[in-house]
Amino acid sequence: MSWAAAHSQYAAQPTPDRPDGAIIATTAPERWGGEAVRILDLTP
């Protein structure tokens, strides 16, 4: 995992002000398969 992906995954984790976590917008949704994050598929 690259530092960018690790940072995105960490930043998307639930917090008190965002209990469901953030959504990761990506054009490579398959990269996030099996990860505990929500994604927004931006693939055209």
N, C-alpha and C. Protein backbone atom coordinates (compact mmCIF):
# COMPACT_ATOMS: atom_id res chain seq x y z
N MET A 1 0.86 -1.18 0.00
CA MET A 1 0.00 0.00 0.00
C MET A 1 0.90 1.23 0.00
N SER A 2 0.57 2.17 -0.85
CA SER A 2 1.34 3.41 -0.92
C SER A 2 0.97 4.32 0.26
N TRP A 3 1.81 5.32 0.49
CA TRP A 3 1.50 6.25 1.59
C TRP A 3 0.20 7.00 1.29
N ALA A 4 -0.08 7.28 0.01
CA ALA A 4 -1.30 8.00 -0.33
C ALA A 4 -2.54 7.16 -0.02
N ALA A 5 -2.51 5.89 -0.37
CA ALA A 5 -3.64 5.01 -0.08
C ALA A 5 -3.80 4.82 1.43
N ALA A 6 -2.69 4.68 2.13
CA ALA A 6 -2.75 4.52 3.59
C ALA A 6 -3.33 5.78 4.23
N HIS A 7 -2.93 6.94 3.75
CA HIS A 7 -3.46 8.20 4.29
C HIS A 7 -4.95 8.32 4.01
N SER A 8 -5.37 7.97 2.80
CA SER A 8 -6.79 8.03 2.45
C SER A 8 -7.60 7.10 3.33
N GLN A 9 -7.10 5.89 3.55
CA GLN A 9 -7.82 4.93 4.38
C GLN A 9 -7.91 5.44 5.81
N TYR A 10 -6.84 5.99 6.35
CA TYR A 10 -6.85 6.53 7.71
C TYR A 10 -7.83 7.71 7.81
N ALA A 11 -7.78 8.61 6.83
CA ALA A 11 -8.64 9.79 6.87
C ALA A 11 -10.12 9.43 6.71
N ALA A 12 -10.43 8.29 6.12
CA ALA A 12 -11.81 7.88 5.90
C ALA A 12 -12.41 7.14 7.11
N GLN A 13 -11.62 6.87 8.13
CA GLN A 13 -12.13 6.15 9.29
C GLN A 13 -13.14 6.99 10.06
N PRO A 14 -14.07 6.34 10.75
CA PRO A 14 -15.09 7.07 11.53
C PRO A 14 -14.45 7.96 12.61
N THR A 15 -15.09 9.09 12.87
CA THR A 15 -14.68 10.02 13.93
C THR A 15 -15.95 10.46 14.64
N PRO A 16 -15.83 11.12 15.78
CA PRO A 16 -17.03 11.58 16.47
C PRO A 16 -17.92 12.49 15.62
N ASP A 17 -17.32 13.35 14.79
CA ASP A 17 -18.14 14.23 13.96
C ASP A 17 -18.54 13.59 12.63
N ARG A 18 -17.98 12.43 12.29
CA ARG A 18 -18.31 11.69 11.06
C ARG A 18 -18.42 10.21 11.43
N PRO A 19 -19.46 9.80 12.18
CA PRO A 19 -19.54 8.44 12.70
C PRO A 19 -19.54 7.33 11.64
N ASP A 20 -19.97 7.64 10.41
CA ASP A 20 -19.95 6.63 9.34
C ASP A 20 -18.65 6.68 8.54
N GLY A 21 -17.77 7.60 8.88
CA GLY A 21 -16.52 7.75 8.13
C GLY A 21 -16.72 8.57 6.88
N ALA A 22 -15.62 8.91 6.23
CA ALA A 22 -15.68 9.67 4.99
C ALA A 22 -15.78 8.71 3.81
N ILE A 23 -16.11 9.27 2.67
CA ILE A 23 -16.20 8.48 1.44
C ILE A 23 -14.96 8.78 0.60
N ILE A 24 -14.33 7.75 0.08
CA ILE A 24 -13.17 7.91 -0.80
C ILE A 24 -13.66 7.94 -2.24
N ALA A 25 -13.44 9.06 -2.92
CA ALA A 25 -13.79 9.19 -4.34
C ALA A 25 -12.62 8.66 -5.16
N THR A 26 -12.89 7.73 -6.08
CA THR A 26 -11.81 7.08 -6.81
C THR A 26 -12.23 6.67 -8.22
N THR A 27 -11.25 6.59 -9.10
CA THR A 27 -11.48 6.02 -10.43
C THR A 27 -10.95 4.59 -10.49
N ALA A 28 -10.48 4.08 -9.35
CA ALA A 28 -9.96 2.71 -9.26
C ALA A 28 -10.64 1.99 -8.09
N PRO A 29 -11.96 1.75 -8.18
CA PRO A 29 -12.67 1.15 -7.05
C PRO A 29 -12.18 -0.25 -6.69
N GLU A 30 -11.64 -0.98 -7.66
CA GLU A 30 -11.14 -2.33 -7.37
C GLU A 30 -9.97 -2.30 -6.40
N ARG A 31 -9.25 -1.19 -6.33
CA ARG A 31 -8.13 -1.06 -5.41
C ARG A 31 -8.60 -1.14 -3.95
N TRP A 32 -9.84 -0.74 -3.70
CA TRP A 32 -10.37 -0.69 -2.34
C TRP A 32 -11.17 -1.94 -1.96
N GLY A 33 -11.21 -2.94 -2.83
CA GLY A 33 -11.93 -4.18 -2.53
C GLY A 33 -11.41 -4.82 -1.26
N GLY A 34 -12.29 -5.18 -0.38
CA GLY A 34 -11.92 -5.84 0.87
C GLY A 34 -11.50 -4.89 1.98
N GLU A 35 -11.42 -3.60 1.70
CA GLU A 35 -11.06 -2.62 2.72
C GLU A 35 -12.32 -2.11 3.40
N ALA A 36 -12.20 -1.69 4.64
CA ALA A 36 -13.35 -1.22 5.40
C ALA A 36 -13.56 0.28 5.20
N VAL A 37 -13.75 0.69 3.95
CA VAL A 37 -14.03 2.09 3.62
C VAL A 37 -15.18 2.16 2.63
N ARG A 38 -15.85 3.30 2.61
CA ARG A 38 -16.90 3.52 1.62
C ARG A 38 -16.28 4.25 0.45
N ILE A 39 -16.68 3.88 -0.75
CA ILE A 39 -16.10 4.52 -1.93
C ILE A 39 -17.19 5.13 -2.81
N LEU A 40 -16.79 6.12 -3.58
CA LEU A 40 -17.63 6.72 -4.61
C LEU A 40 -16.89 6.46 -5.92
N ASP A 41 -17.46 5.62 -6.76
CA ASP A 41 -16.84 5.24 -8.02
C ASP A 41 -17.00 6.37 -9.03
N LEU A 42 -15.88 6.97 -9.45
CA LEU A 42 -15.89 8.05 -10.42
C LEU A 42 -15.52 7.58 -11.82
N THR A 43 -15.54 6.27 -12.03
CA THR A 43 -15.20 5.73 -13.34
C THR A 43 -16.23 6.20 -14.36
N PRO A 44 -15.75 6.75 -15.49
CA PRO A 44 -16.71 7.22 -16.51
C PRO A 44 -17.47 6.08 -17.15
